[in-house]
């Protein structure tokens, strides 16, 4: 039996059904009572796979997330139980990078703000338009994995100068270090950048990475963009900096709490652009994330070899 904590692309669900019966949770974190026959558990972004859930599945052979991050899977518990963890690193690189640039453009040019004015019949607000082109501005990238590298290439195509926070460099980025963008310390980057974009996983070391001290380093006109994980930013410090006029704008596809509360001050600000965690949900990428994950889960259940890049902690 295969347990889906969330729905997958229909093609992925059909693929799994060819291997074993598929059962779906009514809610992402409310699995069925009887899990004695479950051999695999799959989730996307909302369903969590903690050790307590694994312990309820005596026949469990594999856990998986149809996505690039694993903060909703207890990978340490899976390792203790000898369970392979399947995921899809790199599958969302292009779409998240494109979404990042879209948010940067929106903030810089006031696209959403202007569109709201037109919809409300306020065409005359063009007389008060304020916006900046990207060419000649400095982009600071915090996290230089595959998405950060793609963002750098797109930003350079717009004529931006790109800086990378040196202490966040990942091993897979080392090969581009010599010829790539300039690397400087995080606080120096924050002070120099017109736009800062975050591309790190949420780990104990990165949670709250951008807090009050880091926001204080930034120029009052600077823009902050987050398409990685909401936990990277101290939410209270962010809201305070915006309210005090110490930050030029904020755009994000992820938040410290999702969805935001109805009275969240971010929702009332013209200098904030928020999207509902959709950067990876283009039709092509959603299919690729789901199908590749399902294929690799099926391989585990059939006893076939799986590409080590799709197995957390076992990459070559």
C-alpha atoms as a PDB file:
ATOM      1  CA  UNK A   1       0.000   0.000   0.000  1.00  0.00           C
ATOM      2  CA  UNK A   2       1.161   3.551  -0.822  1.00  0.00           C
ATOM      3  CA  UNK A   3       0.003   6.477   1.347  1.00  0.00           C
ATOM      4  CA  UNK A   4      -0.394   9.911  -0.250  1.00  0.00           C
ATOM      5  CA  UNK A   5      -0.593  12.705   2.292  1.00  0.00           C
ATOM      6  CA  UNK A   6      -1.419  15.099  -0.569  1.00  0.00           C
ATOM      7  CA  UNK A   7      -2.601  14.659  -4.143  1.00  0.00           C
ATOM      8  CA  UNK A   8      -0.023  14.311  -6.920  1.00  0.00           C
ATOM      9  CA  UNK A   9      -0.175  14.832 -10.664  1.00  0.00           C
ATOM     10  CA  UNK A  10      -2.624  12.296 -12.102  1.00  0.00           C
ATOM     11  CA  UNK A  11       0.141  10.673 -14.156  1.00  0.00           C
ATOM     12  CA  UNK A  12       2.208  10.129 -11.009  1.00  0.00           C
ATOM     13  CA  UNK A  13      -0.755   8.645  -9.149  1.00  0.00           C
ATOM     14  CA  UNK A  14      -1.425   6.212 -12.008  1.00  0.00           C
ATOM     15  CA  UNK A  15       2.215   5.187 -12.012  1.00  0.00           C
ATOM     16  CA  UNK A  16       2.101   4.426  -8.293  1.00  0.00           C
ATOM     17  CA  UNK A  17      -1.183   2.531  -8.599  1.00  0.00           C
ATOM     18  CA  UNK A  18       0.555   0.119 -10.989  1.00  0.00           C
ATOM     19  CA  UNK A  19       2.920  -0.827  -8.158  1.00  0.00           C
ATOM     20  CA  UNK A  20       0.598  -1.047  -5.148  1.00  0.00           C
ATOM     21  CA  UNK A  21      -2.846   0.117  -3.979  1.00  0.00           C
ATOM     22  CA  UNK A  22      -2.907   3.858  -3.261  1.00  0.00           C
ATOM     23  CA  UNK A  23      -4.684   5.347  -0.246  1.00  0.00           C
ATOM     24  CA  UNK A  24      -5.101   9.096   0.262  1.00  0.00           C
ATOM     25  CA  UNK A  25      -5.227  11.020   3.531  1.00  0.00           C
ATOM     26  CA  UNK A  26      -8.373  13.129   3.944  1.00  0.00           C
ATOM     27  CA  UNK A  27      -6.186  15.975   5.175  1.00  0.00           C
ATOM     28  CA  UNK A  28      -2.385  16.301   4.699  1.00  0.00           C
ATOM     29  CA  UNK A  29      -1.615  15.612   8.355  1.00  0.00           C
ATOM     30  CA  UNK A  30      -4.512  13.271   9.156  1.00  0.00           C
ATOM     31  CA  UNK A  31      -3.536   9.857   7.770  1.00  0.00           C
ATOM     32  CA  UNK A  32      -5.870   6.837   8.039  1.00  0.00           C
ATOM     33  CA  UNK A  33      -5.907   4.852  11.266  1.00  0.00           C
ATOM     34  CA  UNK A  34      -4.794   1.527   9.767  1.00  0.00           C
ATOM     35  CA  UNK A  35      -1.277   1.896   8.350  1.00  0.00           C
ATOM     36  CA  UNK A  36      -0.094  -1.667   8.830  1.00  0.00           C
ATOM     37  CA  UNK A  37       0.264  -2.340   5.090  1.00  0.00           C
ATOM     38  CA  UNK A  38       1.828   0.989   4.076  1.00  0.00           C
ATOM     39  CA  UNK A  39       5.096   0.510   2.178  1.00  0.00           C
ATOM     40  CA  UNK A  40       5.653   4.099   1.006  1.00  0.00           C
ATOM     41  CA  UNK A  41       4.590   7.581   2.133  1.00  0.00           C
ATOM     42  CA  UNK A  42       4.606  10.525  -0.273  1.00  0.00           C
ATOM     43  CA  UNK A  43       3.939  14.196   0.407  1.00  0.00           C
ATOM     44  CA  UNK A  44       4.377  17.571  -1.265  1.00  0.00           C
ATOM     45  CA  UNK A  45       4.605  20.721   0.865  1.00  0.00           C
ATOM     46  CA  UNK A  46       1.906  20.566   3.522  1.00  0.00           C
ATOM     47  CA  UNK A  47       1.925  16.960   4.685  1.00  0.00           C
ATOM     48  CA  UNK A  48       4.582  16.145   7.274  1.00  0.00           C
ATOM     49  CA  UNK A  49       6.358  12.807   7.677  1.00  0.00           C
ATOM     50  CA  UNK A  50       7.550  12.674  11.313  1.00  0.00           C
ATOM     51  CA  UNK A  51       9.040   9.691  13.083  1.00  0.00           C
ATOM     52  CA  UNK A  52       5.713   8.993  14.809  1.00  0.00           C
ATOM     53  CA  UNK A  53       4.075   8.416  11.431  1.00  0.00           C
ATOM     54  CA  UNK A  54       6.899   6.170  10.259  1.00  0.00           C
ATOM     55  CA  UNK A  55       6.587   4.145  13.464  1.00  0.00           C
ATOM     56  CA  UNK A  56       2.962   3.396  12.653  1.00  0.00           C
ATOM     57  CA  UNK A  57       3.987   1.733   9.358  1.00  0.00           C
ATOM     58  CA  UNK A  58       5.817  -1.552  10.164  1.00  0.00           C
ATOM     59  CA  UNK A  59       6.191  -2.435   6.455  1.00  0.00           C
ATOM     60  CA  UNK A  60       7.473   1.002   5.419  1.00  0.00           C
ATOM     61  CA  UNK A  61      10.241   0.878   2.795  1.00  0.00           C
ATOM     62  CA  UNK A  62      10.549   4.493   1.579  1.00  0.00           C
ATOM     63  CA  UNK A  63       9.402   8.048   2.287  1.00  0.00           C
ATOM     64  CA  UNK A  64       9.318  10.783  -0.333  1.00  0.00           C
ATOM     65  CA  UNK A  65       8.587  14.406  -1.023  1.00  0.00           C
ATOM     66  CA  UNK A  66       7.641  15.630  -4.493  1.00  0.00           C
ATOM     67  CA  UNK A  67       9.785  18.721  -4.113  1.00  0.00           C
ATOM     68  CA  UNK A  68      13.317  19.995  -3.694  1.00  0.00           C
ATOM     69  CA  UNK A  69      13.286  20.663   0.056  1.00  0.00           C
ATOM     70  CA  UNK A  70      12.855  18.223   2.915  1.00  0.00           C
ATOM     71  CA  UNK A  71      11.989  20.381   5.919  1.00  0.00           C
ATOM     72  CA  UNK A  72       8.637  18.554   6.277  1.00  0.00           C
ATOM     73  CA  UNK A  73      10.319  15.115   6.423  1.00  0.00           C
ATOM     74  CA  UNK A  74      12.185  13.853   9.489  1.00  0.00           C
ATOM     75  CA  UNK A  75      15.264  12.756   7.573  1.00  0.00           C
ATOM     76  CA  UNK A  76      17.179  11.882  10.756  1.00  0.00           C
ATOM     77  CA  UNK A  77      14.437   9.489  11.813  1.00  0.00           C
ATOM     78  CA  UNK A  78      14.366   7.941   8.347  1.00  0.00           C
ATOM     79  CA  UNK A  79      18.127   7.400   8.531  1.00  0.00           C
ATOM     80  CA  UNK A  80      17.822   5.725  11.916  1.00  0.00           C
ATOM     81  CA  UNK A  81      15.233   3.374  10.454  1.00  0.00           C
ATOM     82  CA  UNK A  82      17.297   2.691   7.332  1.00  0.00           C
ATOM     83  CA  UNK A  83      14.618   4.211   5.081  1.00  0.00           C
ATOM     84  CA  UNK A  84      15.607   5.859   1.792  1.00  0.00           C
ATOM     85  CA  UNK A  85      14.295   9.410   1.393  1.00  0.00           C
ATOM     86  CA  UNK A  86      13.340  10.271  -2.180  1.00  0.00           C
ATOM     87  CA  UNK A  87      13.044  13.878  -3.351  1.00  0.00           C
ATOM     88  CA  UNK A  88      13.496  15.947  -6.525  1.00  0.00           C
ATOM     89  CA  UNK A  89      16.441  18.354  -6.185  1.00  0.00           C
ATOM     90  CA  UNK A  90      16.894  20.668  -9.144  1.00  0.00           C
ATOM     91  CA  UNK A  91      13.527  19.911 -10.714  1.00  0.00           C
ATOM     92  CA  UNK A  92      12.192  23.374  -9.834  1.00  0.00           C
ATOM     93  CA  UNK A  93      15.315  25.406 -10.586  1.00  0.00           C
ATOM     94  CA  UNK A  94      14.054  27.280 -13.647  1.00  0.00           C
ATOM     95  CA  UNK A  95      10.554  28.018 -12.431  1.00  0.00           C
ATOM     96  CA  UNK A  96      11.624  29.295  -8.984  1.00  0.00           C
ATOM     97  CA  UNK A  97      14.353  31.433 -10.555  1.00  0.00           C
ATOM     98  CA  UNK A  98      11.838  32.914 -13.009  1.00  0.00           C
ATOM     99  CA  UNK A  99       9.386  33.602 -10.179  1.00  0.00           C
ATOM    100  CA  UNK A 100      12.166  35.336  -8.253  1.00  0.00           C
ATOM    101  CA  UNK A 101      12.881  37.661 -11.158  1.00  0.00           C
ATOM    102  CA  UNK A 102       9.163  38.305 -11.591  1.00  0.00           C
ATOM    103  CA  UNK A 103       8.901  39.418  -7.960  1.00  0.00           C
ATOM    104  CA  UNK A 104      12.003  41.605  -8.297  1.00  0.00           C
ATOM    105  CA  UNK A 105      10.534  43.250 -11.393  1.00  0.00           C
ATOM    106  CA  UNK A 106       7.158  43.704  -9.717  1.00  0.00           C
ATOM    107  CA  UNK A 107       8.674  45.414  -6.683  1.00  0.00           C
ATOM    108  CA  UNK A 108      11.095  47.519  -8.721  1.00  0.00           C
ATOM    109  CA  UNK A 109       8.529  48.724 -11.262  1.00  0.00           C
ATOM    110  CA  UNK A 110       5.445  48.770  -9.047  1.00  0.00           C
ATOM    111  CA  UNK A 111       3.522  46.550 -11.464  1.00  0.00           C
ATOM    112  CA  UNK A 112       0.976  45.134  -9.012  1.00  0.00           C
ATOM    113  CA  UNK A 113       0.549  48.536  -7.376  1.00  0.00           C
ATOM    114  CA  UNK A 114      -0.113  50.223 -10.720  1.00  0.00           C
ATOM    115  CA  UNK A 115      -2.486  47.474 -11.823  1.00  0.00           C
ATOM    116  CA  UNK A 116      -4.541  47.922  -8.648  1.00  0.00           C
ATOM    117  CA  UNK A 117      -4.750  51.656  -9.329  1.00  0.00           C
ATOM    118  CA  UNK A 118      -6.030  51.143 -12.855  1.00  0.00           C
ATOM    119  CA  UNK A 119      -8.586  48.570 -11.679  1.00  0.00           C
ATOM    120  CA  UNK A 120      -9.812  51.074  -9.103  1.00  0.00           C
ATOM    121  CA  UNK A 121     -10.182  53.790 -11.741  1.00  0.00           C
ATOM    122  CA  UNK A 122      -7.187  55.794 -10.585  1.00  0.00           C
ATOM    123  CA  UNK A 123      -5.364  56.249 -13.915  1.00  0.00           C
ATOM    124  CA  UNK A 124      -4.198  59.675 -12.752  1.00  0.00           C
ATOM    125  CA  UNK A 125      -1.811  58.021 -10.300  1.00  0.00           C
ATOM    126  CA  UNK A 126       0.632  57.668 -13.177  1.00  0.00           C
ATOM    127  CA  UNK A 127       1.611  61.241 -12.323  1.00  0.00           C
ATOM    128  CA  UNK A 128       3.017  59.926  -9.048  1.00  0.00           C
ATOM    129  CA  UNK A 129       4.606  56.777 -10.495  1.00  0.00           C
ATOM    130  CA  UNK A 130       7.843  55.667  -8.926  1.00  0.00           C
ATOM    131  CA  UNK A 131       9.893  52.770 -10.204  1.00  0.00           C
ATOM    132  CA  UNK A 132      13.409  51.683 -11.080  1.00  0.00           C
ATOM    133  CA  UNK A 133      14.816  49.584 -13.921  1.00  0.00           C
ATOM    134  CA  UNK A 134      17.074  46.666 -13.005  1.00  0.00           C
ATOM    135  CA  UNK A 135      20.019  47.603 -15.227  1.00  0.00           C
ATOM    136  CA  UNK A 136      22.872  49.012 -13.186  1.00  0.00           C
ATOM    137  CA  UNK A 137      21.460  47.923  -9.832  1.00  0.00           C
ATOM    138  CA  UNK A 138      23.170  45.463  -7.497  1.00  0.00           C
ATOM    139  CA  UNK A 139      21.603  42.104  -6.657  1.00  0.00           C
ATOM    140  CA  UNK A 140      22.785  40.240  -3.563  1.00  0.00           C
ATOM    141  CA  UNK A 141      22.184  36.480  -3.623  1.00  0.00           C
ATOM    142  CA  UNK A 142      22.152  34.583  -0.325  1.00  0.00           C
ATOM    143  CA  UNK A 143      22.427  30.895  -1.205  1.00  0.00           C
ATOM    144  CA  UNK A 144      24.179  29.893  -4.429  1.00  0.00           C
ATOM    145  CA  UNK A 145      22.886  26.446  -5.261  1.00  0.00           C
ATOM    146  CA  UNK A 146      21.205  25.668  -8.573  1.00  0.00           C
ATOM    147  CA  UNK A 147      18.411  28.232  -8.093  1.00  0.00           C
ATOM    148  CA  UNK A 148      20.749  30.977  -6.915  1.00  0.00           C
ATOM    149  CA  UNK A 149      23.029  30.366  -9.888  1.00  0.00           C
ATOM    150  CA  UNK A 150      20.097  30.534 -12.309  1.00  0.00           C
ATOM    151  CA  UNK A 151      18.875  33.772 -10.713  1.00  0.00           C
ATOM    152  CA  UNK A 152      22.369  35.215 -11.160  1.00  0.00           C
ATOM    153  CA  UNK A 153      22.359  34.448 -14.888  1.00  0.00           C
ATOM    154  CA  UNK A 154      18.903  35.961 -15.359  1.00  0.00           C
ATOM    155  CA  UNK A 155      19.814  39.066 -13.372  1.00  0.00           C
ATOM    156  CA  UNK A 156      23.005  39.563 -15.376  1.00  0.00           C
ATOM    157  CA  UNK A 157      20.916  39.414 -18.554  1.00  0.00           C
ATOM    158  CA  UNK A 158      18.999  42.412 -17.193  1.00  0.00           C
ATOM    159  CA  UNK A 159      22.286  44.261 -16.651  1.00  0.00           C
ATOM    160  CA  UNK A 160      22.469  43.826 -12.891  1.00  0.00           C
ATOM    161  CA  UNK A 161      25.677  43.516 -10.910  1.00  0.00           C
ATOM    162  CA  UNK A 162      25.554  40.286  -8.900  1.00  0.00           C
ATOM    163  CA  UNK A 163      27.123  39.631  -5.494  1.00  0.00           C
ATOM    164  CA  UNK A 164      26.979  36.342  -3.566  1.00  0.00           C
ATOM    165  CA  UNK A 165      27.164  35.890   0.207  1.00  0.00           C
ATOM    166  CA  UNK A 166      30.382  33.892   0.513  1.00  0.00           C
ATOM    167  CA  UNK A 167      29.595  31.933   3.675  1.00  0.00           C
ATOM    168  CA  UNK A 168      26.478  30.354   2.129  1.00  0.00           C
ATOM    169  CA  UNK A 169      28.337  28.709  -0.748  1.00  0.00           C
ATOM    170  CA  UNK A 170      27.373  25.068  -1.214  1.00  0.00           C
ATOM    171  CA  UNK A 171      29.737  22.311  -2.410  1.00  0.00           C
ATOM    172  CA  UNK A 172      27.902  22.017  -5.738  1.00  0.00           C
ATOM    173  CA  UNK A 173      28.611  25.693  -6.414  1.00  0.00           C
ATOM    174  CA  UNK A 174      32.363  25.445  -5.874  1.00  0.00           C
ATOM    175  CA  UNK A 175      33.083  24.697  -9.527  1.00  0.00           C
ATOM    176  CA  UNK A 176      31.716  28.094 -10.596  1.00  0.00           C
ATOM    177  CA  UNK A 177      33.430  30.055  -7.839  1.00  0.00           C
ATOM    178  CA  UNK A 178      36.430  31.247  -9.857  1.00  0.00           C
ATOM    179  CA  UNK A 179      34.501  32.567 -12.844  1.00  0.00           C
ATOM    180  CA  UNK A 180      31.244  33.360 -11.074  1.00  0.00           C
ATOM    181  CA  UNK A 181      29.978  36.492  -9.306  1.00  0.00           C
ATOM    182  CA  UNK A 182      31.999  38.244  -6.629  1.00  0.00           C
ATOM    183  CA  UNK A 183      31.671  36.737  -3.154  1.00  0.00           C
ATOM    184  CA  UNK A 184      31.608  38.902  -0.063  1.00  0.00           C
ATOM    185  CA  UNK A 185      30.561  38.552   3.584  1.00  0.00           C
ATOM    186  CA  UNK A 186      26.829  38.556   4.253  1.00  0.00           C
ATOM    187  CA  UNK A 187      26.684  41.875   6.120  1.00  0.00           C
ATOM    188  CA  UNK A 188      28.762  43.590   3.439  1.00  0.00           C
ATOM    189  CA  UNK A 189      26.431  42.210   0.778  1.00  0.00           C
ATOM    190  CA  UNK A 190      23.389  43.462   2.660  1.00  0.00           C
ATOM    191  CA  UNK A 191      24.877  46.951   2.893  1.00  0.00           C
ATOM    192  CA  UNK A 192      25.755  47.128  -0.814  1.00  0.00           C
ATOM    193  CA  UNK A 193      22.788  45.468  -2.516  1.00  0.00           C
ATOM    194  CA  UNK A 194      19.789  47.266  -3.984  1.00  0.00           C
ATOM    195  CA  UNK A 195      17.960  43.933  -4.005  1.00  0.00           C
ATOM    196  CA  UNK A 196      18.599  40.892  -1.781  1.00  0.00           C
ATOM    197  CA  UNK A 197      17.184  37.488  -2.694  1.00  0.00           C
ATOM    198  CA  UNK A 198      17.250  34.361  -0.510  1.00  0.00           C
ATOM    199  CA  UNK A 199      17.854  30.807  -1.803  1.00  0.00           C
ATOM    200  CA  UNK A 200      18.743  28.669   1.215  1.00  0.00           C
ATOM    201  CA  UNK A 201      17.061  25.661   2.830  1.00  0.00           C
ATOM    202  CA  UNK A 202      15.576  26.027   6.308  1.00  0.00           C
ATOM    203  CA  UNK A 203      18.024  24.426   8.747  1.00  0.00           C
ATOM    204  CA  UNK A 204      18.947  25.167  12.364  1.00  0.00           C
ATOM    205  CA  UNK A 205      21.826  27.266  11.004  1.00  0.00           C
ATOM    206  CA  UNK A 206      19.697  29.351   8.614  1.00  0.00           C
ATOM    207  CA  UNK A 207      16.490  29.905  10.592  1.00  0.00           C
ATOM    208  CA  UNK A 208      16.167  33.611  11.344  1.00  0.00           C
ATOM    209  CA  UNK A 209      19.271  34.340   9.268  1.00  0.00           C
ATOM    210  CA  UNK A 210      17.806  37.703   8.278  1.00  0.00           C
ATOM    211  CA  UNK A 211      16.934  39.324  11.581  1.00  0.00           C
ATOM    212  CA  UNK A 212      16.889  42.842  13.019  1.00  0.00           C
ATOM    213  CA  UNK A 213      20.674  43.264  12.813  1.00  0.00           C
ATOM    214  CA  UNK A 214      20.795  42.112   9.194  1.00  0.00           C
ATOM    215  CA  UNK A 215      17.854  44.289   8.167  1.00  0.00           C
ATOM    216  CA  UNK A 216      19.581  47.250   9.813  1.00  0.00           C
ATOM    217  CA  UNK A 217      22.554  46.682   7.484  1.00  0.00           C
ATOM    218  CA  UNK A 218      20.383  47.154   4.394  1.00  0.00           C
ATOM    219  CA  UNK A 219      19.793  50.435   2.625  1.00  0.00           C
ATOM    220  CA  UNK A 220      16.384  51.979   3.449  1.00  0.00           C
ATOM    221  CA  UNK A 221      15.499  51.755  -0.246  1.00  0.00           C
ATOM    222  CA  UNK A 222      16.618  48.127  -0.646  1.00  0.00           C
ATOM    223  CA  UNK A 223      14.234  45.346  -1.618  1.00  0.00           C
ATOM    224  CA  UNK A 224      14.138  41.906   0.026  1.00  0.00           C
ATOM    225  CA  UNK A 225      12.834  38.861  -1.876  1.00  0.00           C
ATOM    226  CA  UNK A 226      12.280  35.349  -0.532  1.00  0.00           C
ATOM    227  CA  UNK A 227      11.289  32.358  -2.659  1.00  0.00           C
ATOM    228  CA  UNK A 228      13.077  29.806  -0.456  1.00  0.00           C
ATOM    229  CA  UNK A 229      11.667  29.282   3.051  1.00  0.00           C
ATOM    230  CA  UNK A 230       9.779  31.678   5.299  1.00  0.00           C
ATOM    231  CA  UNK A 231      11.818  30.636   8.337  1.00  0.00           C
ATOM    232  CA  UNK A 232      14.924  32.338   6.917  1.00  0.00           C
ATOM    233  CA  UNK A 233      13.537  35.722   7.982  1.00  0.00           C
ATOM    234  CA  UNK A 234      12.637  36.939  11.465  1.00  0.00           C
ATOM    235  CA  UNK A 235       9.023  37.880  10.698  1.00  0.00           C
ATOM    236  CA  UNK A 236       8.634  40.351  13.562  1.00  0.00           C
ATOM    237  CA  UNK A 237      11.837  42.173  12.610  1.00  0.00           C
ATOM    238  CA  UNK A 238      10.748  42.293   8.959  1.00  0.00           C
ATOM    239  CA  UNK A 239       7.359  43.804   9.773  1.00  0.00           C
ATOM    240  CA  UNK A 240       8.957  46.339  12.104  1.00  0.00           C
ATOM    241  CA  UNK A 241      11.528  47.404   9.491  1.00  0.00           C
ATOM    242  CA  UNK A 242       8.816  47.929   6.873  1.00  0.00           C
ATOM    243  CA  UNK A 243       6.608  49.868   9.270  1.00  0.00           C
ATOM    244  CA  UNK A 244       9.525  52.116  10.251  1.00  0.00           C
ATOM    245  CA  UNK A 245      10.489  52.820   6.626  1.00  0.00           C
ATOM    246  CA  UNK A 246      13.842  51.069   6.985  1.00  0.00           C
ATOM    247  CA  UNK A 247      13.215  48.741   4.025  1.00  0.00           C
ATOM    248  CA  UNK A 248      12.123  49.708   0.530  1.00  0.00           C
ATOM    249  CA  UNK A 249       9.921  46.683  -0.119  1.00  0.00           C
ATOM    250  CA  UNK A 250       9.410  42.984   0.387  1.00  0.00           C
ATOM    251  CA  UNK A 251       8.250  40.234  -1.972  1.00  0.00           C
ATOM    252  CA  UNK A 252       7.846  36.569  -1.143  1.00  0.00           C
ATOM    253  CA  UNK A 253       6.359  33.290  -2.229  1.00  0.00           C
ATOM    254  CA  UNK A 254       6.904  31.875   1.286  1.00  0.00           C
ATOM    255  CA  UNK A 255       6.137  33.223   4.755  1.00  0.00           C
ATOM    256  CA  UNK A 256       6.967  32.425   8.366  1.00  0.00           C
ATOM    257  CA  UNK A 257       3.322  31.371   8.757  1.00  0.00           C
ATOM    258  CA  UNK A 258       1.249  30.095   5.836  1.00  0.00           C
ATOM    259  CA  UNK A 259      -1.326  31.247   5.040  1.00  0.00           C
ATOM    260  CA  UNK A 260      -0.888  34.668   6.677  1.00  0.00           C
ATOM    261  CA  UNK A 261      -3.438  35.800   9.245  1.00  0.00           C
ATOM    262  CA  UNK A 262      -6.176  38.063   7.922  1.00  0.00           C
ATOM    263  CA  UNK A 263      -4.820  40.943  10.023  1.00  0.00           C
ATOM    264  CA  UNK A 264      -1.177  40.466   9.023  1.00  0.00           C
ATOM    265  CA  UNK A 265       0.164  43.983   8.338  1.00  0.00           C
ATOM    266  CA  UNK A 266       2.028  42.701   5.277  1.00  0.00           C
ATOM    267  CA  UNK A 267      -1.304  42.295   3.486  1.00  0.00           C
ATOM    268  CA  UNK A 268      -2.129  45.992   3.765  1.00  0.00           C
ATOM    269  CA  UNK A 269       1.141  47.368   2.398  1.00  0.00           C
ATOM    270  CA  UNK A 270       1.647  48.677  -1.151  1.00  0.00           C
ATOM    271  CA  UNK A 271       5.383  47.944  -0.883  1.00  0.00           C
ATOM    272  CA  UNK A 272       4.779  44.219  -0.309  1.00  0.00           C
ATOM    273  CA  UNK A 273       4.026  41.594  -2.974  1.00  0.00           C
ATOM    274  CA  UNK A 274       3.039  38.115  -1.804  1.00  0.00           C
ATOM    275  CA  UNK A 275       2.219  34.975  -3.781  1.00  0.00           C
ATOM    276  CA  UNK A 276       0.795  31.787  -2.199  1.00  0.00           C
ATOM    277  CA  UNK A 277       3.784  29.418  -2.424  1.00  0.00           C
ATOM    278  CA  UNK A 278       3.275  28.793  -6.142  1.00  0.00           C
ATOM    279  CA  UNK A 279       6.763  29.329  -7.588  1.00  0.00           C
ATOM    280  CA  UNK A 280       7.124  25.613  -8.419  1.00  0.00           C
ATOM    281  CA  UNK A 281       3.560  25.038  -9.572  1.00  0.00           C
ATOM    282  CA  UNK A 282       3.816  25.692 -13.271  1.00  0.00           C
ATOM    283  CA  UNK A 283       2.194  22.807 -15.110  1.00  0.00           C
ATOM    284  CA  UNK A 284       5.466  21.457 -16.492  1.00  0.00           C
ATOM    285  CA  UNK A 285       7.367  21.638 -13.210  1.00  0.00           C
ATOM    286  CA  UNK A 286       4.502  20.246 -11.121  1.00  0.00           C
ATOM    287  CA  UNK A 287       4.295  17.248 -13.429  1.00  0.00           C
ATOM    288  CA  UNK A 288       8.078  16.777 -13.395  1.00  0.00           C
ATOM    289  CA  UNK A 289       8.306  16.957  -9.590  1.00  0.00           C
ATOM    290  CA  UNK A 290       5.478  14.463  -9.085  1.00  0.00           C
ATOM    291  CA  UNK A 291       6.324  12.000 -11.850  1.00  0.00           C
ATOM    292  CA  UNK A 292      10.049  11.810 -11.120  1.00  0.00           C
ATOM    293  CA  UNK A 293       9.357  11.262  -7.430  1.00  0.00           C
ATOM    294  CA  UNK A 294       6.760   8.575  -8.151  1.00  0.00           C
ATOM    295  CA  UNK A 295       9.110   6.823 -10.573  1.00  0.00           C
ATOM    296  CA  UNK A 296      11.855   6.664  -7.966  1.00  0.00           C
ATOM    297  CA  UNK A 297       9.505   5.448  -5.234  1.00  0.00           C
ATOM    298  CA  UNK A 298       8.325   2.709  -7.604  1.00  0.00           C
ATOM    299  CA  UNK A 299      11.940   1.716  -8.216  1.00  0.00           C
ATOM    300  CA  UNK A 300      12.590   1.392  -4.486  1.00  0.00           C
ATOM    301  CA  UNK A 301       9.505  -0.789  -4.042  1.00  0.00           C
ATOM    302  CA  UNK A 302      10.556  -2.976  -6.974  1.00  0.00           C
ATOM    303  CA  UNK A 303      14.102  -3.314  -5.682  1.00  0.00           C
ATOM    304  CA  UNK A 304      15.547  -1.419  -8.656  1.00  0.00           C
ATOM    305  CA  UNK A 305      18.478   1.040  -8.442  1.00  0.00           C
ATOM    306  CA  UNK A 306      17.658   4.729  -7.991  1.00  0.00           C
ATOM    307  CA  UNK A 307      19.807   7.651  -9.138  1.00  0.00           C
ATOM    308  CA  UNK A 308      21.715   8.718  -6.015  1.00  0.00           C
ATOM    309  CA  UNK A 309      20.914  12.388  -6.748  1.00  0.00           C
ATOM    310  CA  UNK A 310      17.261  11.652  -5.917  1.00  0.00           C
ATOM    311  CA  UNK A 311      18.143  10.094  -2.559  1.00  0.00           C
ATOM    312  CA  UNK A 312      18.777  12.426   0.344  1.00  0.00           C
ATOM    313  CA  UNK A 313      22.146  11.829   1.960  1.00  0.00           C
ATOM    314  CA  UNK A 314      23.223   9.320  -0.683  1.00  0.00           C
ATOM    315  CA  UNK A 315      24.239  11.612  -3.532  1.00  0.00           C
ATOM    316  CA  UNK A 316      27.471  10.805  -5.313  1.00  0.00           C
END
